[in-house]
Amino acid sequence: MKRVLFVVIVLLFASVSVCAQSNDPLEKESLKGLSGVYVFLNLSEDSPSLEKDGLTETQIRTDVEIRLRKAGIRVLTIEETKVVARRPALSVTLLASKSEALTKLLGENLYSFSIQVEFKQAATLYHSTDNKVFPVTTWSASAVGMTSKRNIRTIREGIGDYVDKFINDYLAVNPK
């Protein structure tokens, strides 16, 4: 019991996350020749708690779009995306859940979270004779972790880190 309590206390003062990402060169190659991307946000149902604790959808969208624009990557509107053949979209998914039991025990909101940043685009199957187009994920990075209300900014920073990884891979195959 003492060991569990120690781990929980450590979590109050630091965020914990486990990352997963691929180093597949084809992921980078799939970003070649893009004219821009649409930003799609998918936030969890627990977003009212997150907003109350200082993390809003508007902040996340602004962070992502500013990073892309600063890197010279055009942010497309939904209307523009529909007319671009590849239908490029950077999808940011945040699933966060407040741990009620740990929150009651420690008196501070604790969140388990999952961040997934994916680049999706239209593709056709190699063996397809009718050229049907499918949305596919060709680049991705993700993490899971736990953080406290005090360190809620770590979720925002984590999303930023993965968007920066996307930007770096994009710029590697689309030099200016």
C-alpha atoms as a PDB file:
ATOM      1  CA  MET A   1       0.000   0.000   0.000  1.00  0.00           C
ATOM      2  CA  LYS A   2       2.852   2.371   0.841  1.00  0.00           C
ATOM      3  CA  ARG A   3       4.395   1.701  -2.555  1.00  0.00           C
ATOM      4  CA  VAL A   4       1.156   2.530  -4.390  1.00  0.00           C
ATOM      5  CA  LEU A   5       0.731   5.714  -2.394  1.00  0.00           C
ATOM      6  CA  PHE A   6       4.325   6.713  -3.202  1.00  0.00           C
ATOM      7  CA  VAL A   7       3.722   6.230  -6.950  1.00  0.00           C
ATOM      8  CA  VAL A   8       0.525   8.267  -6.781  1.00  0.00           C
ATOM      9  CA  ILE A   9       2.279  11.107  -4.943  1.00  0.00           C
ATOM     10  CA  VAL A  10       5.046  11.145  -7.544  1.00  0.00           C
ATOM     11  CA  LEU A  11       2.361  11.471 -10.232  1.00  0.00           C
ATOM     12  CA  LEU A  12       1.082  14.610  -8.565  1.00  0.00           C
ATOM     13  CA  PHE A  13       4.363  16.362  -9.166  1.00  0.00           C
ATOM     14  CA  ALA A  14       5.268  14.972 -12.559  1.00  0.00           C
ATOM     15  CA  SER A  15       3.536  13.691 -15.619  1.00  0.00           C
ATOM     16  CA  VAL A  16       4.094  10.208 -16.899  1.00  0.00           C
ATOM     17  CA  SER A  17       3.796   9.296 -20.542  1.00  0.00           C
ATOM     18  CA  VAL A  18       4.702   6.410 -22.784  1.00  0.00           C
ATOM     19  CA  CYS A  19       5.298   7.236 -26.428  1.00  0.00           C
ATOM     20  CA  ALA A  20       4.898   5.251 -29.621  1.00  0.00           C
ATOM     21  CA  GLN A  21       5.924   6.325 -33.064  1.00  0.00           C
ATOM     22  CA  SER A  22       7.241   4.719 -36.196  1.00  0.00           C
ATOM     23  CA  ASN A  23      10.506   5.458 -37.944  1.00  0.00           C
ATOM     24  CA  ASP A  24       9.219   3.997 -41.209  1.00  0.00           C
ATOM     25  CA  PRO A  25      10.659   6.062 -44.109  1.00  0.00           C
ATOM     26  CA  LEU A  26       7.413   5.516 -46.028  1.00  0.00           C
ATOM     27  CA  GLU A  27       5.584   7.620 -43.440  1.00  0.00           C
ATOM     28  CA  LYS A  28       7.748  10.625 -44.314  1.00  0.00           C
ATOM     29  CA  GLU A  29       7.506   9.869 -48.025  1.00  0.00           C
ATOM     30  CA  SER A  30       3.683   9.962 -47.804  1.00  0.00           C
ATOM     31  CA  LEU A  31       3.947  13.679 -46.903  1.00  0.00           C
ATOM     32  CA  LYS A  32       5.763  14.638 -50.108  1.00  0.00           C
ATOM     33  CA  GLY A  33       4.093  17.221 -52.338  1.00  0.00           C
ATOM     34  CA  LEU A  34       1.367  18.359 -49.943  1.00  0.00           C
ATOM     35  CA  SER A  35      -0.073  21.815 -50.524  1.00  0.00           C
ATOM     36  CA  GLY A  36      -1.429  22.032 -46.974  1.00  0.00           C
ATOM     37  CA  VAL A  37      -3.455  20.175 -44.360  1.00  0.00           C
ATOM     38  CA  TYR A  38      -6.822  20.456 -42.696  1.00  0.00           C
ATOM     39  CA  VAL A  39      -6.703  20.258 -38.883  1.00  0.00           C
ATOM     40  CA  PHE A  40      -9.273  17.898 -37.400  1.00  0.00           C
ATOM     41  CA  LEU A  41      -9.660  17.772 -33.600  1.00  0.00           C
ATOM     42  CA  ASN A  42     -11.311  14.919 -31.767  1.00  0.00           C
ATOM     43  CA  LEU A  43     -11.478  15.529 -28.017  1.00  0.00           C
ATOM     44  CA  SER A  44     -12.811  13.155 -25.390  1.00  0.00           C
ATOM     45  CA  GLU A  45     -16.136  13.393 -23.657  1.00  0.00           C
ATOM     46  CA  ASP A  46     -14.361  14.541 -20.478  1.00  0.00           C
ATOM     47  CA  SER A  47     -13.464  17.888 -22.058  1.00  0.00           C
ATOM     48  CA  PRO A  48     -15.668  19.907 -19.633  1.00  0.00           C
ATOM     49  CA  SER A  49     -13.394  18.741 -16.785  1.00  0.00           C
ATOM     50  CA  LEU A  50     -10.319  19.542 -18.858  1.00  0.00           C
ATOM     51  CA  GLU A  51     -11.663  22.994 -19.696  1.00  0.00           C
ATOM     52  CA  LYS A  52     -12.413  23.663 -16.032  1.00  0.00           C
ATOM     53  CA  ASP A  53      -8.821  22.692 -15.235  1.00  0.00           C
ATOM     54  CA  GLY A  54      -7.367  24.942 -17.946  1.00  0.00           C
ATOM     55  CA  LEU A  55      -7.157  23.028 -21.243  1.00  0.00           C
ATOM     56  CA  THR A  56      -9.581  24.069 -23.998  1.00  0.00           C
ATOM     57  CA  GLU A  57     -10.270  22.923 -27.548  1.00  0.00           C
ATOM     58  CA  THR A  58      -9.605  26.476 -28.748  1.00  0.00           C
ATOM     59  CA  GLN A  59      -6.113  26.424 -27.173  1.00  0.00           C
ATOM     60  CA  ILE A  60      -5.293  23.091 -28.780  1.00  0.00           C
ATOM     61  CA  ARG A  61      -6.533  24.169 -32.231  1.00  0.00           C
ATOM     62  CA  THR A  62      -4.671  27.482 -32.013  1.00  0.00           C
ATOM     63  CA  ASP A  63      -1.451  25.740 -30.896  1.00  0.00           C
ATOM     64  CA  VAL A  64      -1.588  23.237 -33.760  1.00  0.00           C
ATOM     65  CA  GLU A  65      -2.481  25.771 -36.459  1.00  0.00           C
ATOM     66  CA  ILE A  66       0.153  28.311 -35.345  1.00  0.00           C
ATOM     67  CA  ARG A  67       2.859  25.627 -35.361  1.00  0.00           C
ATOM     68  CA  LEU A  68       1.892  24.579 -38.890  1.00  0.00           C
ATOM     69  CA  ARG A  69       1.747  28.149 -40.191  1.00  0.00           C
ATOM     70  CA  LYS A  70       5.098  29.097 -38.615  1.00  0.00           C
ATOM     71  CA  ALA A  71       6.638  26.125 -40.430  1.00  0.00           C
ATOM     72  CA  GLY A  72       5.162  27.344 -43.722  1.00  0.00           C
ATOM     73  CA  ILE A  73       2.518  24.633 -43.937  1.00  0.00           C
ATOM     74  CA  ARG A  74      -0.790  25.960 -45.197  1.00  0.00           C
ATOM     75  CA  VAL A  75      -3.815  25.229 -43.001  1.00  0.00           C
ATOM     76  CA  LEU A  76      -6.720  24.307 -45.266  1.00  0.00           C
ATOM     77  CA  THR A  77     -10.396  24.922 -44.598  1.00  0.00           C
ATOM     78  CA  ILE A  78     -12.804  21.998 -44.852  1.00  0.00           C
ATOM     79  CA  GLU A  79     -14.042  23.392 -48.181  1.00  0.00           C
ATOM     80  CA  GLU A  80     -10.494  23.555 -49.584  1.00  0.00           C
ATOM     81  CA  THR A  81      -9.795  20.019 -48.400  1.00  0.00           C
ATOM     82  CA  LYS A  82     -12.769  18.639 -50.299  1.00  0.00           C
ATOM     83  CA  VAL A  83     -11.382  19.842 -53.647  1.00  0.00           C
ATOM     84  CA  VAL A  84      -7.781  18.692 -53.080  1.00  0.00           C
ATOM     85  CA  ALA A  85      -7.306  15.207 -54.524  1.00  0.00           C
ATOM     86  CA  ARG A  86      -5.448  13.798 -51.500  1.00  0.00           C
ATOM     87  CA  ARG A  87      -7.862  15.311 -48.930  1.00  0.00           C
ATOM     88  CA  PRO A  88      -4.989  15.862 -46.474  1.00  0.00           C
ATOM     89  CA  ALA A  89      -5.925  16.074 -42.806  1.00  0.00           C
ATOM     90  CA  LEU A  90      -3.895  16.227 -39.624  1.00  0.00           C
ATOM     91  CA  SER A  91      -6.038  14.522 -37.020  1.00  0.00           C
ATOM     92  CA  VAL A  92      -5.390  15.260 -33.339  1.00  0.00           C
ATOM     93  CA  THR A  93      -7.207  12.968 -30.929  1.00  0.00           C
ATOM     94  CA  LEU A  94      -7.130  13.526 -27.181  1.00  0.00           C
ATOM     95  CA  LEU A  95      -8.834  11.068 -24.885  1.00  0.00           C
ATOM     96  CA  ALA A  96      -8.639  12.094 -21.246  1.00  0.00           C
ATOM     97  CA  SER A  97     -10.425  10.733 -18.252  1.00  0.00           C
ATOM     98  CA  LYS A  98     -10.404  12.084 -14.730  1.00  0.00           C
ATOM     99  CA  SER A  99      -9.637   9.371 -12.200  1.00  0.00           C
ATOM    100  CA  GLU A 100     -12.394   9.845  -9.629  1.00  0.00           C
ATOM    101  CA  ALA A 101     -10.898   7.393  -7.130  1.00  0.00           C
ATOM    102  CA  LEU A 102      -7.430   8.988  -7.143  1.00  0.00           C
ATOM    103  CA  THR A 103      -8.934  12.470  -7.172  1.00  0.00           C
ATOM    104  CA  LYS A 104     -10.928  11.669  -4.007  1.00  0.00           C
ATOM    105  CA  LEU A 105      -7.941  10.027  -2.358  1.00  0.00           C
ATOM    106  CA  LEU A 106      -5.482  12.835  -3.081  1.00  0.00           C
ATOM    107  CA  GLY A 107      -7.755  15.856  -3.342  1.00  0.00           C
ATOM    108  CA  GLU A 108      -6.447  16.893  -6.780  1.00  0.00           C
ATOM    109  CA  ASN A 109      -7.779  16.071 -10.236  1.00  0.00           C
ATOM    110  CA  LEU A 110      -5.734  13.333 -11.917  1.00  0.00           C
ATOM    111  CA  TYR A 111      -6.159  12.494 -15.596  1.00  0.00           C
ATOM    112  CA  SER A 112      -5.242   9.461 -17.637  1.00  0.00           C
ATOM    113  CA  PHE A 113      -4.765  10.546 -21.234  1.00  0.00           C
ATOM    114  CA  SER A 114      -4.042   9.325 -24.727  1.00  0.00           C
ATOM    115  CA  ILE A 115      -2.731  11.593 -27.483  1.00  0.00           C
ATOM    116  CA  GLN A 116      -2.790  10.505 -31.103  1.00  0.00           C
ATOM    117  CA  VAL A 117      -1.632  12.694 -33.985  1.00  0.00           C
ATOM    118  CA  GLU A 118      -2.235  11.161 -37.409  1.00  0.00           C
ATOM    119  CA  PHE A 119      -1.932  12.341 -40.977  1.00  0.00           C
ATOM    120  CA  LYS A 120      -4.760  10.992 -43.112  1.00  0.00           C
ATOM    121  CA  GLN A 121      -5.164  11.214 -46.861  1.00  0.00           C
ATOM    122  CA  ALA A 122      -7.106   9.682 -49.712  1.00  0.00           C
ATOM    123  CA  ALA A 123      -5.617   6.610 -51.364  1.00  0.00           C
ATOM    124  CA  THR A 124      -6.627   3.918 -53.810  1.00  0.00           C
ATOM    125  CA  LEU A 125      -5.917   0.224 -53.519  1.00  0.00           C
ATOM    126  CA  TYR A 126      -3.139  -1.042 -55.754  1.00  0.00           C
ATOM    127  CA  HIS A 127      -5.246  -3.909 -57.102  1.00  0.00           C
ATOM    128  CA  SER A 128      -8.471  -1.890 -57.423  1.00  0.00           C
ATOM    129  CA  THR A 129      -9.969  -1.725 -60.904  1.00  0.00           C
ATOM    130  CA  ASP A 130     -12.642   0.846 -60.072  1.00  0.00           C
ATOM    131  CA  ASN A 131     -10.272   3.388 -58.420  1.00  0.00           C
ATOM    132  CA  LYS A 132     -12.284   3.743 -55.218  1.00  0.00           C
ATOM    133  CA  VAL A 133     -10.761   6.252 -52.810  1.00  0.00           C
ATOM    134  CA  PHE A 134     -10.286   5.415 -49.129  1.00  0.00           C
ATOM    135  CA  PRO A 135      -9.153   7.602 -46.236  1.00  0.00           C
ATOM    136  CA  VAL A 136      -5.966   6.082 -44.796  1.00  0.00           C
ATOM    137  CA  THR A 137      -3.499   6.987 -42.082  1.00  0.00           C
ATOM    138  CA  THR A 138      -0.016   7.310 -43.551  1.00  0.00           C
ATOM    139  CA  TRP A 139       1.789   8.975 -40.627  1.00  0.00           C
ATOM    140  CA  SER A 140       1.163   8.736 -36.882  1.00  0.00           C
ATOM    141  CA  ALA A 141       2.562   9.321 -33.411  1.00  0.00           C
ATOM    142  CA  SER A 142       0.910   8.647 -30.066  1.00  0.00           C
ATOM    143  CA  ALA A 143       1.370   8.618 -26.312  1.00  0.00           C
ATOM    144  CA  VAL A 144      -0.470   7.587 -23.184  1.00  0.00           C
ATOM    145  CA  GLY A 145       0.106   8.982 -19.742  1.00  0.00           C
ATOM    146  CA  MET A 146      -1.193  10.392 -16.515  1.00  0.00           C
ATOM    147  CA  THR A 147      -0.984  13.915 -15.173  1.00  0.00           C
ATOM    148  CA  SER A 148      -2.429  16.122 -12.476  1.00  0.00           C
ATOM    149  CA  LYS A 149      -4.406  19.336 -12.761  1.00  0.00           C
ATOM    150  CA  ARG A 150      -1.258  21.153 -11.694  1.00  0.00           C
ATOM    151  CA  ASN A 151       0.590  19.747 -14.726  1.00  0.00           C
ATOM    152  CA  ILE A 152      -2.284  19.800 -17.250  1.00  0.00           C
ATOM    153  CA  ARG A 153      -0.028  21.798 -19.589  1.00  0.00           C
ATOM    154  CA  THR A 154       1.904  18.566 -20.244  1.00  0.00           C
ATOM    155  CA  ILE A 155      -0.990  17.327 -22.369  1.00  0.00           C
ATOM    156  CA  ARG A 156      -0.842  20.507 -24.445  1.00  0.00           C
ATOM    157  CA  GLU A 157       2.949  20.252 -24.692  1.00  0.00           C
ATOM    158  CA  GLY A 158       2.702  16.587 -25.709  1.00  0.00           C
ATOM    159  CA  ILE A 159       0.349  17.434 -28.558  1.00  0.00           C
ATOM    160  CA  GLY A 160       2.768  20.187 -29.608  1.00  0.00           C
ATOM    161  CA  ASP A 161       5.693  17.752 -29.583  1.00  0.00           C
ATOM    162  CA  TYR A 162       3.898  15.385 -31.962  1.00  0.00           C
ATOM    163  CA  VAL A 163       2.799  18.194 -34.250  1.00  0.00           C
ATOM    164  CA  ASP A 164       6.452  19.308 -34.327  1.00  0.00           C
ATOM    165  CA  LYS A 165       7.458  15.745 -35.267  1.00  0.00           C
ATOM    166  CA  PHE A 166       4.939  15.869 -38.131  1.00  0.00           C
ATOM    167  CA  ILE A 167       6.329  19.245 -39.215  1.00  0.00           C
ATOM    168  CA  ASN A 168       9.913  17.940 -39.156  1.00  0.00           C
ATOM    169  CA  ASP A 169       8.965  14.924 -41.263  1.00  0.00           C
ATOM    170  CA  TYR A 170       6.980  17.156 -43.650  1.00  0.00           C
ATOM    171  CA  LEU A 171       9.890  19.590 -44.070  1.00  0.00           C
ATOM    172  CA  ALA A 172      12.331  16.705 -44.612  1.00  0.00           C
ATOM    173  CA  VAL A 173      10.501  15.682 -47.796  1.00  0.00           C
ATOM    174  CA  ASN A 174       9.280  19.165 -48.819  1.00  0.00           C
ATOM    175  CA  PRO A 175      12.350  21.393 -48.529  1.00  0.00           C
ATOM    176  CA  LYS A 176      11.799  25.085 -49.137  1.00  0.00           C
END
